[in-house]
Amino acid sequence: MRFGFDIDDTLINLREHAFHLYNQKLNKNVELAVFKALKTMEIHEPFGLSAEEGGAMWRSLAEEIYYTSCPAFDGAVETLQQLVKDGHEVFYITARNAEHCERTKDWLIQNQFPVQEGHFFCGMKDREKIRIIEDLQLDYYFDDKPAVLETLLDVPTKVYAIDNSYNQELKIPRLASWFELKEIISE
């Protein structure tokens, strides 16, 4: 089978990692429970930042957010490694800006994600993911972002939302833990 995965907040806990960095850089102590209750993807509001200030903060910390110690979600690396070991194809499809593509791919490899040549797609707009997913004829695709997931409702690919506080309104199948994937594909 062919599996496609978004990266940020699908395979790696990027927003929470950034939330901790915001606390540190702004010398704040906003509780993690506040983060876990956010109904938006953006994390700036609990810190009293406007959207503009939050965007500037993210850009100023991009290096630390993307390339330091951002953890993978529990079981993500092992699950993808097992998929490849079992003969499945794993594709990464991320809308990270094009200037981050090569370093993102290298970061995935350094963090033990199984990345094969020709299986990494980066630098497209969210709405362009659908074309890649269709062209690859994926059997399964996993993402967290409502704007992306909503564009995939009519594709033959089995689409799953990675369970997050900001995508609860989506009425599609969800994955709360990477340890659930084995059960899903055996159905």
C-alpha atoms as a PDB file:
ATOM      1  CA  MET A   1       0.000   0.000   0.000  1.00  0.00           C
ATOM      2  CA  ARG A   2       0.935   3.642  -0.436  1.00  0.00           C
ATOM      3  CA  PHE A   3       0.798   5.953   2.586  1.00  0.00           C
ATOM      4  CA  GLY A   4       1.076   9.742   2.619  1.00  0.00           C
ATOM      5  CA  PHE A   5       1.863  11.885   5.628  1.00  0.00           C
ATOM      6  CA  ASP A   6       1.937  15.557   6.404  1.00  0.00           C
ATOM      7  CA  ILE A   7       4.817  16.326   8.787  1.00  0.00           C
ATOM      8  CA  ASP A   8       4.053  19.231  11.128  1.00  0.00           C
ATOM      9  CA  ASP A   9       1.549  18.304  13.855  1.00  0.00           C
ATOM     10  CA  THR A  10       0.973  15.013  12.099  1.00  0.00           C
ATOM     11  CA  LEU A  11       4.259  13.181  12.623  1.00  0.00           C
ATOM     12  CA  ILE A  12       6.007  15.719  14.845  1.00  0.00           C
ATOM     13  CA  ASN A  13       4.671  17.808  17.727  1.00  0.00           C
ATOM     14  CA  LEU A  14       5.658  21.125  16.169  1.00  0.00           C
ATOM     15  CA  ARG A  15       3.078  23.510  17.627  1.00  0.00           C
ATOM     16  CA  GLU A  16       3.619  22.308  21.187  1.00  0.00           C
ATOM     17  CA  HIS A  17       7.383  22.562  20.681  1.00  0.00           C
ATOM     18  CA  ALA A  18       6.900  26.150  19.441  1.00  0.00           C
ATOM     19  CA  PHE A  19       4.576  26.873  22.382  1.00  0.00           C
ATOM     20  CA  HIS A  20       7.364  25.938  24.806  1.00  0.00           C
ATOM     21  CA  LEU A  21       9.800  28.151  22.865  1.00  0.00           C
ATOM     22  CA  TYR A  22       7.343  31.070  23.025  1.00  0.00           C
ATOM     23  CA  ASN A  23       7.092  30.632  26.811  1.00  0.00           C
ATOM     24  CA  GLN A  24      10.874  30.620  27.078  1.00  0.00           C
ATOM     25  CA  LYS A  25      11.563  33.542  24.724  1.00  0.00           C
ATOM     26  CA  LEU A  26       8.759  35.701  26.132  1.00  0.00           C
ATOM     27  CA  ASN A  27       9.643  34.785  29.730  1.00  0.00           C
ATOM     28  CA  LYS A  28       6.089  33.557  30.319  1.00  0.00           C
ATOM     29  CA  ASN A  29       4.596  30.501  31.945  1.00  0.00           C
ATOM     30  CA  VAL A  30       1.427  29.861  29.954  1.00  0.00           C
ATOM     31  CA  GLU A  31       0.107  26.463  31.015  1.00  0.00           C
ATOM     32  CA  LEU A  32       0.163  23.560  28.578  1.00  0.00           C
ATOM     33  CA  ALA A  33      -3.569  23.036  29.235  1.00  0.00           C
ATOM     34  CA  VAL A  34      -4.164  26.408  27.509  1.00  0.00           C
ATOM     35  CA  PHE A  35      -2.291  25.137  24.459  1.00  0.00           C
ATOM     36  CA  LYS A  36      -4.228  21.861  24.409  1.00  0.00           C
ATOM     37  CA  ALA A  37      -7.520  23.784  24.424  1.00  0.00           C
ATOM     38  CA  LEU A  38      -6.685  26.086  21.475  1.00  0.00           C
ATOM     39  CA  LYS A  39      -9.310  25.979  18.727  1.00  0.00           C
ATOM     40  CA  THR A  40      -6.954  27.531  16.181  1.00  0.00           C
ATOM     41  CA  MET A  41      -3.708  26.337  14.687  1.00  0.00           C
ATOM     42  CA  GLU A  42      -2.054  29.617  15.625  1.00  0.00           C
ATOM     43  CA  ILE A  43      -0.528  29.705  19.105  1.00  0.00           C
ATOM     44  CA  HIS A  44       0.043  33.451  19.633  1.00  0.00           C
ATOM     45  CA  GLU A  45      -3.155  34.469  21.453  1.00  0.00           C
ATOM     46  CA  PRO A  46      -2.365  32.966  24.893  1.00  0.00           C
ATOM     47  CA  PHE A  47       0.805  35.071  24.889  1.00  0.00           C
ATOM     48  CA  GLY A  48      -1.114  38.299  24.273  1.00  0.00           C
ATOM     49  CA  LEU A  49       0.270  38.657  20.749  1.00  0.00           C
ATOM     50  CA  SER A  50      -1.675  39.915  17.757  1.00  0.00           C
ATOM     51  CA  ALA A  51      -1.755  37.776  14.604  1.00  0.00           C
ATOM     52  CA  GLU A  52       0.904  40.037  13.109  1.00  0.00           C
ATOM     53  CA  GLU A  53       3.121  39.803  16.205  1.00  0.00           C
ATOM     54  CA  GLY A  54       2.567  36.030  16.367  1.00  0.00           C
ATOM     55  CA  GLY A  55       3.586  35.631  12.728  1.00  0.00           C
ATOM     56  CA  ALA A  56       6.711  37.706  13.323  1.00  0.00           C
ATOM     57  CA  MET A  57       7.536  35.628  16.403  1.00  0.00           C
ATOM     58  CA  TRP A  58       7.153  32.376  14.466  1.00  0.00           C
ATOM     59  CA  ARG A  59       9.377  33.648  11.648  1.00  0.00           C
ATOM     60  CA  SER A  60      12.033  34.843  14.100  1.00  0.00           C
ATOM     61  CA  LEU A  61      12.089  31.419  15.781  1.00  0.00           C
ATOM     62  CA  ALA A  62      11.725  29.311  12.631  1.00  0.00           C
ATOM     63  CA  GLU A  63      15.243  27.918  12.893  1.00  0.00           C
ATOM     64  CA  GLU A  64      14.673  26.733  16.468  1.00  0.00           C
ATOM     65  CA  ILE A  65      11.127  25.567  15.811  1.00  0.00           C
ATOM     66  CA  TYR A  66      11.941  23.472  12.754  1.00  0.00           C
ATOM     67  CA  TYR A  67      15.462  22.193  13.330  1.00  0.00           C
ATOM     68  CA  THR A  68      16.200  21.702  17.006  1.00  0.00           C
ATOM     69  CA  SER A  69      14.600  19.289  19.433  1.00  0.00           C
ATOM     70  CA  CYS A  70      11.036  19.067  18.161  1.00  0.00           C
ATOM     71  CA  PRO A  71       9.854  15.597  19.166  1.00  0.00           C
ATOM     72  CA  ALA A  72       8.074  13.108  16.962  1.00  0.00           C
ATOM     73  CA  PHE A  73       4.723  11.953  18.271  1.00  0.00           C
ATOM     74  CA  ASP A  74       4.942   8.701  20.210  1.00  0.00           C
ATOM     75  CA  GLY A  75       5.157   5.795  17.818  1.00  0.00           C
ATOM     76  CA  ALA A  76       5.386   7.863  14.624  1.00  0.00           C
ATOM     77  CA  VAL A  77       8.959   6.928  13.674  1.00  0.00           C
ATOM     78  CA  GLU A  78       8.537   3.271  14.591  1.00  0.00           C
ATOM     79  CA  THR A  79       5.208   3.007  12.773  1.00  0.00           C
ATOM     80  CA  LEU A  80       6.627   4.435   9.536  1.00  0.00           C
ATOM     81  CA  GLN A  81       9.740   2.279   9.814  1.00  0.00           C
ATOM     82  CA  GLN A  82       7.501  -0.788  10.190  1.00  0.00           C
ATOM     83  CA  LEU A  83       5.399   0.204   7.182  1.00  0.00           C
ATOM     84  CA  VAL A  84       8.534   0.350   5.028  1.00  0.00           C
ATOM     85  CA  LYS A  85       9.857  -2.900   6.517  1.00  0.00           C
ATOM     86  CA  ASP A  86       6.514  -4.539   5.638  1.00  0.00           C
ATOM     87  CA  GLY A  87       6.920  -3.436   1.996  1.00  0.00           C
ATOM     88  CA  HIS A  88       4.635  -0.389   1.974  1.00  0.00           C
ATOM     89  CA  GLU A  89       5.574   2.936   0.395  1.00  0.00           C
ATOM     90  CA  VAL A  90       5.772   6.023   2.614  1.00  0.00           C
ATOM     91  CA  PHE A  91       5.465   9.535   1.149  1.00  0.00           C
ATOM     92  CA  TYR A  92       5.927  12.854   2.943  1.00  0.00           C
ATOM     93  CA  ILE A  93       3.827  15.772   1.680  1.00  0.00           C
ATOM     94  CA  THR A  94       4.429  19.064   3.468  1.00  0.00           C
ATOM     95  CA  ALA A  95       3.471  22.625   2.688  1.00  0.00           C
ATOM     96  CA  ARG A  96       6.523  23.987   4.484  1.00  0.00           C
ATOM     97  CA  ASN A  97       8.025  26.870   2.521  1.00  0.00           C
ATOM     98  CA  ALA A  98      10.376  25.841  -0.282  1.00  0.00           C
ATOM     99  CA  GLU A  99      13.426  27.300   1.480  1.00  0.00           C
ATOM    100  CA  HIS A 100      12.946  24.670   4.208  1.00  0.00           C
ATOM    101  CA  CYS A 101      12.615  21.619   1.947  1.00  0.00           C
ATOM    102  CA  GLU A 102      16.129  20.214   1.878  1.00  0.00           C
ATOM    103  CA  ARG A 103      16.780  20.819   5.568  1.00  0.00           C
ATOM    104  CA  THR A 104      13.394  19.315   6.470  1.00  0.00           C
ATOM    105  CA  LYS A 105      14.206  16.171   4.507  1.00  0.00           C
ATOM    106  CA  ASP A 106      17.632  15.963   6.180  1.00  0.00           C
ATOM    107  CA  TRP A 107      16.022  16.509   9.608  1.00  0.00           C
ATOM    108  CA  LEU A 108      13.590  13.640   8.990  1.00  0.00           C
ATOM    109  CA  ILE A 109      16.448  11.324   8.029  1.00  0.00           C
ATOM    110  CA  GLN A 110      18.548  12.369  11.041  1.00  0.00           C
ATOM    111  CA  ASN A 111      15.555  11.615  13.271  1.00  0.00           C
ATOM    112  CA  GLN A 112      15.190   8.091  11.866  1.00  0.00           C
ATOM    113  CA  PHE A 113      12.151   8.655   9.638  1.00  0.00           C
ATOM    114  CA  PRO A 114      12.410   6.355   6.608  1.00  0.00           C
ATOM    115  CA  VAL A 115      12.800   8.735   3.656  1.00  0.00           C
ATOM    116  CA  GLN A 116      13.310   7.186   0.239  1.00  0.00           C
ATOM    117  CA  GLU A 117      14.379   9.029  -2.902  1.00  0.00           C
ATOM    118  CA  GLY A 118      11.383  10.476  -4.740  1.00  0.00           C
ATOM    119  CA  HIS A 119       9.076  10.092  -1.720  1.00  0.00           C
ATOM    120  CA  PHE A 120       9.417  13.608  -0.300  1.00  0.00           C
ATOM    121  CA  PHE A 121       7.250  16.483  -1.547  1.00  0.00           C
ATOM    122  CA  CYS A 122       7.639  19.973  -0.144  1.00  0.00           C
ATOM    123  CA  GLY A 123       7.034  23.634  -0.879  1.00  0.00           C
ATOM    124  CA  MET A 124       3.518  23.505  -2.292  1.00  0.00           C
ATOM    125  CA  LYS A 125       0.473  25.418  -1.105  1.00  0.00           C
ATOM    126  CA  ASP A 126      -2.001  23.544   1.069  1.00  0.00           C
ATOM    127  CA  ARG A 127      -4.540  23.357  -1.760  1.00  0.00           C
ATOM    128  CA  GLU A 128      -1.919  21.818  -4.079  1.00  0.00           C
ATOM    129  CA  LYS A 129      -1.529  18.769  -1.851  1.00  0.00           C
ATOM    130  CA  ILE A 130      -4.643  17.221  -3.401  1.00  0.00           C
ATOM    131  CA  ARG A 131      -2.980  16.962  -6.822  1.00  0.00           C
ATOM    132  CA  ILE A 132       0.073  15.235  -5.352  1.00  0.00           C
ATOM    133  CA  ILE A 133      -2.094  12.852  -3.332  1.00  0.00           C
ATOM    134  CA  GLU A 134      -4.137  11.984  -6.416  1.00  0.00           C
ATOM    135  CA  ASP A 135      -1.058  11.647  -8.677  1.00  0.00           C
ATOM    136  CA  LEU A 136       0.590   9.302  -6.168  1.00  0.00           C
ATOM    137  CA  GLN A 137      -2.613   7.249  -5.943  1.00  0.00           C
ATOM    138  CA  LEU A 138      -2.223   6.971  -2.196  1.00  0.00           C
ATOM    139  CA  ASP A 139      -4.244   4.400  -0.303  1.00  0.00           C
ATOM    140  CA  TYR A 140      -4.078   6.423   2.944  1.00  0.00           C
ATOM    141  CA  TYR A 141      -3.276  10.024   3.785  1.00  0.00           C
ATOM    142  CA  PHE A 142      -2.835  11.594   7.253  1.00  0.00           C
ATOM    143  CA  ASP A 143      -2.914  15.334   8.029  1.00  0.00           C
ATOM    144  CA  ASP A 144      -3.957  17.656  10.846  1.00  0.00           C
ATOM    145  CA  LYS A 145      -5.014  20.815   9.045  1.00  0.00           C
ATOM    146  CA  PRO A 146      -8.758  21.319   8.462  1.00  0.00           C
ATOM    147  CA  ALA A 147      -8.196  23.399   5.306  1.00  0.00           C
ATOM    148  CA  VAL A 148      -6.258  20.524   3.731  1.00  0.00           C
ATOM    149  CA  LEU A 149      -8.467  17.704   4.983  1.00  0.00           C
ATOM    150  CA  GLU A 150     -11.629  19.414   3.692  1.00  0.00           C
ATOM    151  CA  THR A 151     -10.195  19.457   0.153  1.00  0.00           C
ATOM    152  CA  LEU A 152      -9.726  15.667   0.285  1.00  0.00           C
ATOM    153  CA  LEU A 153     -13.262  14.576   1.103  1.00  0.00           C
ATOM    154  CA  ASP A 154     -13.989  13.417  -2.455  1.00  0.00           C
ATOM    155  CA  VAL A 155     -10.754  11.581  -3.281  1.00  0.00           C
ATOM    156  CA  PRO A 156     -10.588   7.769  -3.297  1.00  0.00           C
ATOM    157  CA  THR A 157      -7.725   7.879  -0.756  1.00  0.00           C
ATOM    158  CA  LYS A 158      -8.693   6.975   2.828  1.00  0.00           C
ATOM    159  CA  VAL A 159      -8.086  10.246   4.660  1.00  0.00           C
ATOM    160  CA  TYR A 160      -7.517  10.524   8.410  1.00  0.00           C
ATOM    161  CA  ALA A 161      -7.330  13.579  10.650  1.00  0.00           C
ATOM    162  CA  ILE A 162      -4.641  13.559  13.294  1.00  0.00           C
ATOM    163  CA  ASP A 163      -6.637  14.359  16.408  1.00  0.00           C
ATOM    164  CA  ASN A 164      -6.002  17.952  17.543  1.00  0.00           C
ATOM    165  CA  SER A 165      -8.011  20.538  19.456  1.00  0.00           C
ATOM    166  CA  TYR A 166      -8.382  22.725  16.341  1.00  0.00           C
ATOM    167  CA  ASN A 167      -9.831  20.065  14.031  1.00  0.00           C
ATOM    168  CA  GLN A 168     -12.595  18.595  16.174  1.00  0.00           C
ATOM    169  CA  GLU A 169     -15.380  19.828  13.882  1.00  0.00           C
ATOM    170  CA  LEU A 170     -14.199  17.633  11.015  1.00  0.00           C
ATOM    171  CA  LYS A 171     -16.410  14.615  10.565  1.00  0.00           C
ATOM    172  CA  ILE A 172     -13.827  12.248   9.132  1.00  0.00           C
ATOM    173  CA  PRO A 173     -11.960   9.291  10.604  1.00  0.00           C
ATOM    174  CA  ARG A 174      -9.295  10.270  13.125  1.00  0.00           C
ATOM    175  CA  LEU A 175      -6.058   8.930  14.458  1.00  0.00           C
ATOM    176  CA  ALA A 176      -5.345   9.757  18.100  1.00  0.00           C
ATOM    177  CA  SER A 177      -2.153   7.703  18.375  1.00  0.00           C
ATOM    178  CA  TRP A 178       0.307   6.261  15.876  1.00  0.00           C
ATOM    179  CA  PHE A 179      -0.069   2.944  17.667  1.00  0.00           C
ATOM    180  CA  GLU A 180      -3.608   2.750  16.161  1.00  0.00           C
ATOM    181  CA  LEU A 181      -2.431   2.618  12.544  1.00  0.00           C
ATOM    182  CA  LYS A 182      -1.742  -1.107  12.460  1.00  0.00           C
ATOM    183  CA  GLU A 183      -5.338  -1.790  13.491  1.00  0.00           C
ATOM    184  CA  ILE A 184      -6.729   0.675  10.931  1.00  0.00           C
ATOM    185  CA  ILE A 185      -4.943  -0.884   7.967  1.00  0.00           C
ATOM    186  CA  SER A 186      -5.862  -4.416   9.022  1.00  0.00           C
ATOM    187  CA  GLU A 187      -9.597  -3.594   8.716  1.00  0.00           C
END
